[in-house]
Amino acid sequence: MSDFLIHVSIMASLYAVLALSLNMQLGIAGLVNFGQILLFGAGAYGAAFAFSKELGLMGGIAAGLVLAVAVGLLFARLGRDLGGDYWGIATLAVAEACRLLLQEGGDLTGGAQGISGLRPLFETGSRREAALLTLGACLALLAVAYWLCRSLTNSRYGLSLKILREEPQLAVSLGYNPNRLRTQVLVLSAAIAAMGGVIFAHYISFVGPDQLVASETFLIWAMVIVGGVGNHLGVILGAVLMQFLFAFVPFAKDLLGLPSDYVAAMRLMLVGGGLLIFLLWRPQGLVPEPIGGGRHGC
């Protein structure tokens, strides 16, 4: 049971990092990104490409960051010509197109079979010890990501993003460049998500296109909405809560005596039901965004 809890904690930490990355875009800058999972996938595939070329962990981190930043810049470029919901739909389309390209990429990407056999981050004689060290790395990444996001949010830069979110024309009149702000926050978010993807790839030891389906993006959205859009502590709470609920779905299935086919359906119901409940009855989430932000923002 302890091994199971370690695994769930690792996955919860990684999803919390992804939720923080999305929250910087959605909650702070007001960017509706439906292609978030592609930023994560860029980091994971970067690590896999580096492994296949025997470039080591640092090579994987570098490759993942380069790919993720490239995707972030592509999203930002789309944002110059498209606004609001249209941009969100475009990011979803780009993410799905890239997933299909990876699926049909042949030897380069491993195709539908993906790339397997990646070495773990920590190679020790004990599997549990390696998992604990991986959990420590995940928590360290989460702590750094939270500190960075919170520091930027409570700075003048964060204020400029919030002005862009609430009153784009006011941001322009104050001398801010909306395209530059969007590009900066997308590159930052891409780097955070990519680091989570690198650790995930080495932990799972496999990267494939099935990990980049659109439903994963909507799961991250659900974590942000449940936790509290615009509140970094809230989205971490939402990610941990939903990941642990997902992990215990098989136990609920056994308790209720349902067939195994119901597991995926129950998880989809958790995502969809959670989104509907919070959007209708508590749109501010479990931990609402602090009014006025400032030094007390989370």
Foldseek 3Di string as FASTA:
>chain_A
DVLLVLVLLLQLLLLLLLLLLVLLQCQQQNHQALQSLVLLQLLQQLLLLCVVVVVDLVSSLVRSLVSLLVLLVVLLVLCVVDDDPVSNVVNLVVLVVVLQCLLVVPPNQPHQQGGFQAAAPDDDPDPVVSSVVLSVVSVVLSVVSLVVSLVCCQDVLSVLSNCCNPPVVVSVVVPHDSSVSSSVSSSVSSSSSSVSSNNVCNVVRGRGSVSSDSVVSLQSVLLCQQQFRNASVSSSVSSSVLSVVLSCLVVVCVVVVHDPVCSVVVNVCCSVVSVVCCVPPPRRHPDHFDVPSHPPTD
